[in-house]
Amino acid sequence: MSRIEPKLFVVSGPSGAGKGTLVALARKRHPSLGLAVSATTRKPREGEIDGVSYFFLSPDEFKRRVDANEFVEWAHVHGNCYGTLVSEVRRNFDKGSSLILEIDVQGALQVKEKFPDSVLIFIKPPSLEELEQRLVGRGTETPESIALRLENARGELALAERYDEVLVNDDLETACSGLLRIIDAYERN
């Protein structure tokens, strides 16, 4: 019997598009799907746990790991650094699990260069107006941060055509079902 190679799925899109919620719901319904915990230099938000939500690293530690080539991808996003550690990808693949990465657009395109068989899935908000309402509704962003995220979103939306799949998150249940259909279709190939 031949061994099935794990698939690498990359979910990204603008901040506030619902990536985290969709990935969490999809993993609840597809428990064998592994998740790599990203590293960041940003400060934890209320309720976030180091090593679970993110690996919260100092800027110096992040730079040390970049210099040591410990990241699959990394980028400066919204004034902070974010990245996926090679060790997190290996941990999942060693278990034989397909892996889902929730990362920014810059990082997704880096992953595709390093892992051409990875599946890039872009999550779009229904509109920029809805995206702004979601960001404001979080209650965690300053007006300046919201303006920066909306400006970045315009550029990110323009890159959606470089993805293998695009999914509009206008209804959480519908979007989650769509994400699971995409994962299932690629896992069967």
C-alpha atoms as a PDB file:
ATOM      1  CA  MET A   1       0.000   0.000   0.000  1.00  0.00           C
ATOM      2  CA  SER A   2       1.458   3.371  -0.975  1.00  0.00           C
ATOM      3  CA  ARG A   3       1.759   6.122   1.564  1.00  0.00           C
ATOM      4  CA  ILE A   4      -0.352   9.223   0.917  1.00  0.00           C
ATOM      5  CA  GLU A   5       1.694  12.405   1.107  1.00  0.00           C
ATOM      6  CA  PRO A   6       0.192  15.147   3.289  1.00  0.00           C
ATOM      7  CA  LYS A   7      -1.155  18.242   1.507  1.00  0.00           C
ATOM      8  CA  LEU A   8      -0.245  21.793   2.471  1.00  0.00           C
ATOM      9  CA  PHE A   9      -3.196  24.221   2.408  1.00  0.00           C
ATOM     10  CA  VAL A  10      -2.565  27.944   2.798  1.00  0.00           C
ATOM     11  CA  VAL A  11      -5.476  30.196   3.786  1.00  0.00           C
ATOM     12  CA  SER A  12      -4.999  33.945   3.554  1.00  0.00           C
ATOM     13  CA  GLY A  13      -6.747  37.183   2.776  1.00  0.00           C
ATOM     14  CA  PRO A  14      -7.259  40.606   4.311  1.00  0.00           C
ATOM     15  CA  SER A  15      -7.273  41.131   8.058  1.00  0.00           C
ATOM     16  CA  GLY A  16     -10.887  40.806   9.193  1.00  0.00           C
ATOM     17  CA  ALA A  17     -11.971  38.515   6.330  1.00  0.00           C
ATOM     18  CA  GLY A  18     -12.650  35.709   8.824  1.00  0.00           C
ATOM     19  CA  LYS A  19      -9.673  33.457   8.103  1.00  0.00           C
ATOM     20  CA  GLY A  20      -9.118  32.461  11.727  1.00  0.00           C
ATOM     21  CA  THR A  21     -12.767  31.689  12.373  1.00  0.00           C
ATOM     22  CA  LEU A  22     -13.062  29.650   9.165  1.00  0.00           C
ATOM     23  CA  VAL A  23      -9.880  27.672   9.826  1.00  0.00           C
ATOM     24  CA  ALA A  24     -10.944  26.929  13.422  1.00  0.00           C
ATOM     25  CA  LEU A  25     -14.397  25.761  12.293  1.00  0.00           C
ATOM     26  CA  ALA A  26     -12.969  23.678   9.430  1.00  0.00           C
ATOM     27  CA  ARG A  27     -10.489  21.998  11.799  1.00  0.00           C
ATOM     28  CA  LYS A  28     -13.302  21.213  14.228  1.00  0.00           C
ATOM     29  CA  ARG A  29     -15.133  19.427  11.403  1.00  0.00           C
ATOM     30  CA  HIS A  30     -11.959  17.901   9.885  1.00  0.00           C
ATOM     31  CA  PRO A  31      -9.935  17.036  13.037  1.00  0.00           C
ATOM     32  CA  SER A  32      -7.114  15.262  11.186  1.00  0.00           C
ATOM     33  CA  LEU A  33      -6.157  18.558   9.534  1.00  0.00           C
ATOM     34  CA  GLY A  34      -3.018  19.861  11.238  1.00  0.00           C
ATOM     35  CA  LEU A  35      -2.387  23.488  12.102  1.00  0.00           C
ATOM     36  CA  ALA A  36       0.979  25.219  12.310  1.00  0.00           C
ATOM     37  CA  VAL A  37       1.184  27.803  15.059  1.00  0.00           C
ATOM     38  CA  SER A  38       2.639  31.007  13.579  1.00  0.00           C
ATOM     39  CA  ALA A  39       5.284  33.152  15.224  1.00  0.00           C
ATOM     40  CA  THR A  40       4.893  36.912  15.657  1.00  0.00           C
ATOM     41  CA  THR A  41       6.543  39.916  17.239  1.00  0.00           C
ATOM     42  CA  ARG A  42       3.208  41.557  18.059  1.00  0.00           C
ATOM     43  CA  LYS A  43       1.942  41.654  21.621  1.00  0.00           C
ATOM     44  CA  PRO A  44      -0.665  39.041  22.634  1.00  0.00           C
ATOM     45  CA  ARG A  45      -4.313  40.092  22.580  1.00  0.00           C
ATOM     46  CA  GLU A  46      -6.519  39.263  25.536  1.00  0.00           C
ATOM     47  CA  GLY A  47      -7.058  35.489  25.770  1.00  0.00           C
ATOM     48  CA  GLU A  48      -4.230  34.546  23.397  1.00  0.00           C
ATOM     49  CA  ILE A  49      -1.816  31.900  24.670  1.00  0.00           C
ATOM     50  CA  ASP A  50       1.862  31.611  23.718  1.00  0.00           C
ATOM     51  CA  GLY A  51       2.500  28.409  21.772  1.00  0.00           C
ATOM     52  CA  VAL A  52      -1.226  27.944  21.095  1.00  0.00           C
ATOM     53  CA  SER A  53      -2.471  31.168  19.477  1.00  0.00           C
ATOM     54  CA  TYR A  54       1.003  32.195  18.281  1.00  0.00           C
ATOM     55  CA  PHE A  55       4.613  31.864  19.336  1.00  0.00           C
ATOM     56  CA  PHE A  56       5.126  35.386  20.692  1.00  0.00           C
ATOM     57  CA  LEU A  57       8.779  36.276  20.036  1.00  0.00           C
ATOM     58  CA  SER A  58      10.800  39.391  20.755  1.00  0.00           C
ATOM     59  CA  PRO A  59      12.033  41.216  17.650  1.00  0.00           C
ATOM     60  CA  ASP A  60      15.585  40.062  18.457  1.00  0.00           C
ATOM     61  CA  GLU A  61      14.541  36.392  18.782  1.00  0.00           C
ATOM     62  CA  PHE A  62      12.525  36.596  15.560  1.00  0.00           C
ATOM     63  CA  LYS A  63      15.526  38.050  13.707  1.00  0.00           C
ATOM     64  CA  ARG A  64      17.811  35.357  15.138  1.00  0.00           C
ATOM     65  CA  ARG A  65      15.455  32.673  13.778  1.00  0.00           C
ATOM     66  CA  VAL A  66      15.221  34.388  10.385  1.00  0.00           C
ATOM     67  CA  ASP A  67      19.008  34.501  10.208  1.00  0.00           C
ATOM     68  CA  ALA A  68      19.133  30.793  11.154  1.00  0.00           C
ATOM     69  CA  ASN A  69      16.720  30.004   8.249  1.00  0.00           C
ATOM     70  CA  GLU A  70      14.119  28.567  10.659  1.00  0.00           C
ATOM     71  CA  PHE A  71      11.101  29.992   8.768  1.00  0.00           C
ATOM     72  CA  VAL A  72       9.195  28.591   5.780  1.00  0.00           C
ATOM     73  CA  GLU A  73       7.957  32.136   5.259  1.00  0.00           C
ATOM     74  CA  TRP A  74       7.929  35.400   7.125  1.00  0.00           C
ATOM     75  CA  ALA A  75       6.961  39.005   6.517  1.00  0.00           C
ATOM     76  CA  HIS A  76       6.486  42.436   8.049  1.00  0.00           C
ATOM     77  CA  VAL A  77       2.736  42.954   8.342  1.00  0.00           C
ATOM     78  CA  HIS A  78       0.953  45.879  10.025  1.00  0.00           C
ATOM     79  CA  GLY A  79       4.187  46.941  11.750  1.00  0.00           C
ATOM     80  CA  ASN A  80       5.036  43.493  13.159  1.00  0.00           C
ATOM     81  CA  CYS A  81       6.780  40.350  11.922  1.00  0.00           C
ATOM     82  CA  TYR A  82       4.859  37.113  11.342  1.00  0.00           C
ATOM     83  CA  GLY A  83       6.155  33.774  10.121  1.00  0.00           C
ATOM     84  CA  THR A  84       5.752  30.002   9.966  1.00  0.00           C
ATOM     85  CA  LEU A  85       8.491  27.934  11.531  1.00  0.00           C
ATOM     86  CA  VAL A  86       9.878  25.004   9.523  1.00  0.00           C
ATOM     87  CA  SER A  87       9.620  22.926  12.715  1.00  0.00           C
ATOM     88  CA  GLU A  88       5.833  23.436  12.763  1.00  0.00           C
ATOM     89  CA  VAL A  89       5.442  22.178   9.187  1.00  0.00           C
ATOM     90  CA  ARG A  90       7.676  19.171   9.884  1.00  0.00           C
ATOM     91  CA  ARG A  91       5.797  18.368  13.105  1.00  0.00           C
ATOM     92  CA  ASN A  92       2.545  18.002  11.158  1.00  0.00           C
ATOM     93  CA  PHE A  93       3.985  16.217   8.126  1.00  0.00           C
ATOM     94  CA  ASP A  94       5.811  13.754  10.406  1.00  0.00           C
ATOM     95  CA  LYS A  95       2.383  12.771  11.777  1.00  0.00           C
ATOM     96  CA  GLY A  96       1.148  12.219   8.200  1.00  0.00           C
ATOM     97  CA  SER A  97      -1.353  15.062   8.538  1.00  0.00           C
ATOM     98  CA  SER A  98      -2.351  17.486   5.849  1.00  0.00           C
ATOM     99  CA  LEU A  99      -1.605  20.939   7.154  1.00  0.00           C
ATOM    100  CA  ILE A 100      -3.468  24.224   7.004  1.00  0.00           C
ATOM    101  CA  LEU A 101      -1.548  27.487   7.344  1.00  0.00           C
ATOM    102  CA  GLU A 102      -3.381  30.710   8.087  1.00  0.00           C
ATOM    103  CA  ILE A 103      -0.980  33.392   6.897  1.00  0.00           C
ATOM    104  CA  ASP A 104      -0.840  36.731   5.109  1.00  0.00           C
ATOM    105  CA  VAL A 105      -0.700  37.109   1.339  1.00  0.00           C
ATOM    106  CA  GLN A 106       3.047  37.833   1.229  1.00  0.00           C
ATOM    107  CA  GLY A 107       3.766  34.627   3.142  1.00  0.00           C
ATOM    108  CA  ALA A 108       1.376  32.550   1.050  1.00  0.00           C
ATOM    109  CA  LEU A 109       3.197  33.453  -2.133  1.00  0.00           C
ATOM    110  CA  GLN A 110       6.530  32.545  -0.481  1.00  0.00           C
ATOM    111  CA  VAL A 111       5.130  29.142   0.503  1.00  0.00           C
ATOM    112  CA  LYS A 112       3.958  28.512  -3.070  1.00  0.00           C
ATOM    113  CA  GLU A 113       7.505  29.182  -4.303  1.00  0.00           C
ATOM    114  CA  LYS A 114       8.980  26.704  -1.800  1.00  0.00           C
ATOM    115  CA  PHE A 115       6.131  24.173  -1.980  1.00  0.00           C
ATOM    116  CA  PRO A 116       4.691  24.339  -5.535  1.00  0.00           C
ATOM    117  CA  ASP A 117       2.128  21.622  -4.707  1.00  0.00           C
ATOM    118  CA  SER A 118       0.659  23.686  -1.870  1.00  0.00           C
ATOM    119  CA  VAL A 119      -2.940  24.841  -2.332  1.00  0.00           C
ATOM    120  CA  LEU A 120      -3.499  28.570  -1.868  1.00  0.00           C
ATOM    121  CA  ILE A 121      -7.013  29.543  -0.739  1.00  0.00           C
ATOM    122  CA  PHE A 122      -7.911  33.240  -0.642  1.00  0.00           C
ATOM    123  CA  ILE A 123     -10.693  34.351   1.726  1.00  0.00           C
ATOM    124  CA  LYS A 124     -12.469  37.494   0.501  1.00  0.00           C
ATOM    125  CA  PRO A 125     -14.847  39.652   2.505  1.00  0.00           C
ATOM    126  CA  PRO A 126     -18.162  40.441   0.782  1.00  0.00           C
ATOM    127  CA  SER A 127     -17.035  44.105   0.450  1.00  0.00           C
ATOM    128  CA  LEU A 128     -14.548  46.611   1.852  1.00  0.00           C
ATOM    129  CA  GLU A 129     -17.408  48.225   3.803  1.00  0.00           C
ATOM    130  CA  GLU A 130     -18.190  44.902   5.490  1.00  0.00           C
ATOM    131  CA  LEU A 131     -14.491  44.396   6.169  1.00  0.00           C
ATOM    132  CA  GLU A 132     -14.299  47.785   7.909  1.00  0.00           C
ATOM    133  CA  GLN A 133     -17.362  46.915  10.043  1.00  0.00           C
ATOM    134  CA  ARG A 134     -15.713  43.635  11.086  1.00  0.00           C
ATOM    135  CA  LEU A 135     -12.467  45.373  12.044  1.00  0.00           C
ATOM    136  CA  VAL A 136     -14.316  48.012  14.069  1.00  0.00           C
ATOM    137  CA  GLY A 137     -16.463  45.295  15.661  1.00  0.00           C
ATOM    138  CA  ARG A 138     -13.417  43.482  17.004  1.00  0.00           C
ATOM    139  CA  GLY A 139     -12.847  46.300  19.443  1.00  0.00           C
ATOM    140  CA  THR A 140      -9.095  45.569  19.363  1.00  0.00           C
ATOM    141  CA  GLU A 141      -7.992  48.008  16.657  1.00  0.00           C
ATOM    142  CA  THR A 142      -7.238  51.730  16.783  1.00  0.00           C
ATOM    143  CA  PRO A 143      -8.639  53.973  14.034  1.00  0.00           C
ATOM    144  CA  GLU A 144      -5.096  54.221  12.617  1.00  0.00           C
ATOM    145  CA  SER A 145      -4.726  50.426  12.643  1.00  0.00           C
ATOM    146  CA  ILE A 146      -8.078  49.996  10.892  1.00  0.00           C
ATOM    147  CA  ALA A 147      -7.072  52.516   8.205  1.00  0.00           C
ATOM    148  CA  LEU A 148      -3.761  50.682   7.643  1.00  0.00           C
ATOM    149  CA  ARG A 149      -5.484  47.287   7.459  1.00  0.00           C
ATOM    150  CA  LEU A 150      -8.032  48.592   4.933  1.00  0.00           C
ATOM    151  CA  GLU A 151      -5.282  50.105   2.801  1.00  0.00           C
ATOM    152  CA  ASN A 152      -3.396  46.789   2.903  1.00  0.00           C
ATOM    153  CA  ALA A 153      -6.613  44.902   2.079  1.00  0.00           C
ATOM    154  CA  ARG A 154      -6.939  46.727  -1.246  1.00  0.00           C
ATOM    155  CA  GLY A 155      -3.515  45.472  -2.311  1.00  0.00           C
ATOM    156  CA  GLU A 156      -4.160  41.966  -1.011  1.00  0.00           C
ATOM    157  CA  LEU A 157      -7.479  41.689  -2.867  1.00  0.00           C
ATOM    158  CA  ALA A 158      -5.637  42.477  -6.095  1.00  0.00           C
ATOM    159  CA  LEU A 159      -3.480  39.362  -5.541  1.00  0.00           C
ATOM    160  CA  ALA A 160      -6.422  36.948  -5.178  1.00  0.00           C
ATOM    161  CA  GLU A 161      -6.027  35.915  -8.832  1.00  0.00           C
ATOM    162  CA  ARG A 162      -2.679  34.287  -7.970  1.00  0.00           C
ATOM    163  CA  TYR A 163      -4.446  31.785  -5.678  1.00  0.00           C
ATOM    164  CA  ASP A 164      -5.657  28.314  -6.580  1.00  0.00           C
ATOM    165  CA  GLU A 165      -9.055  28.955  -4.986  1.00  0.00           C
ATOM    166  CA  VAL A 166     -11.023  32.061  -3.907  1.00  0.00           C
ATOM    167  CA  LEU A 167     -13.800  31.864  -1.332  1.00  0.00           C
ATOM    168  CA  VAL A 168     -16.081  34.768  -0.315  1.00  0.00           C
ATOM    169  CA  ASN A 169     -16.892  34.759   3.397  1.00  0.00           C
ATOM    170  CA  ASP A 170     -20.310  36.389   3.402  1.00  0.00           C
ATOM    171  CA  ASP A 171     -21.913  33.639   5.486  1.00  0.00           C
ATOM    172  CA  LEU A 172     -19.779  31.636   7.918  1.00  0.00           C
ATOM    173  CA  GLU A 173     -21.586  28.315   7.457  1.00  0.00           C
ATOM    174  CA  THR A 174     -21.550  28.542   3.655  1.00  0.00           C
ATOM    175  CA  ALA A 175     -17.887  29.628   3.594  1.00  0.00           C
ATOM    176  CA  CYS A 176     -16.871  26.791   5.941  1.00  0.00           C
ATOM    177  CA  SER A 177     -18.665  24.229   3.784  1.00  0.00           C
ATOM    178  CA  GLY A 178     -16.905  25.671   0.747  1.00  0.00           C
ATOM    179  CA  LEU A 179     -13.503  25.485   2.466  1.00  0.00           C
ATOM    180  CA  LEU A 180     -14.095  21.844   3.438  1.00  0.00           C
ATOM    181  CA  ARG A 181     -15.160  20.992  -0.152  1.00  0.00           C
ATOM    182  CA  ILE A 182     -11.933  22.542  -1.469  1.00  0.00           C
ATOM    183  CA  ILE A 183      -9.808  20.597   1.032  1.00  0.00           C
ATOM    184  CA  ASP A 184     -11.637  17.356   0.284  1.00  0.00           C
ATOM    185  CA  ALA A 185     -11.244  17.801  -3.485  1.00  0.00           C
ATOM    186  CA  TYR A 186      -7.472  18.339  -3.255  1.00  0.00           C
ATOM    187  CA  GLU A 187      -6.959  15.550  -0.718  1.00  0.00           C
ATOM    188  CA  ARG A 188      -8.691  13.110  -3.108  1.00  0.00           C
ATOM    189  CA  ASN A 189      -6.328  13.991  -5.974  1.00  0.00           C
END
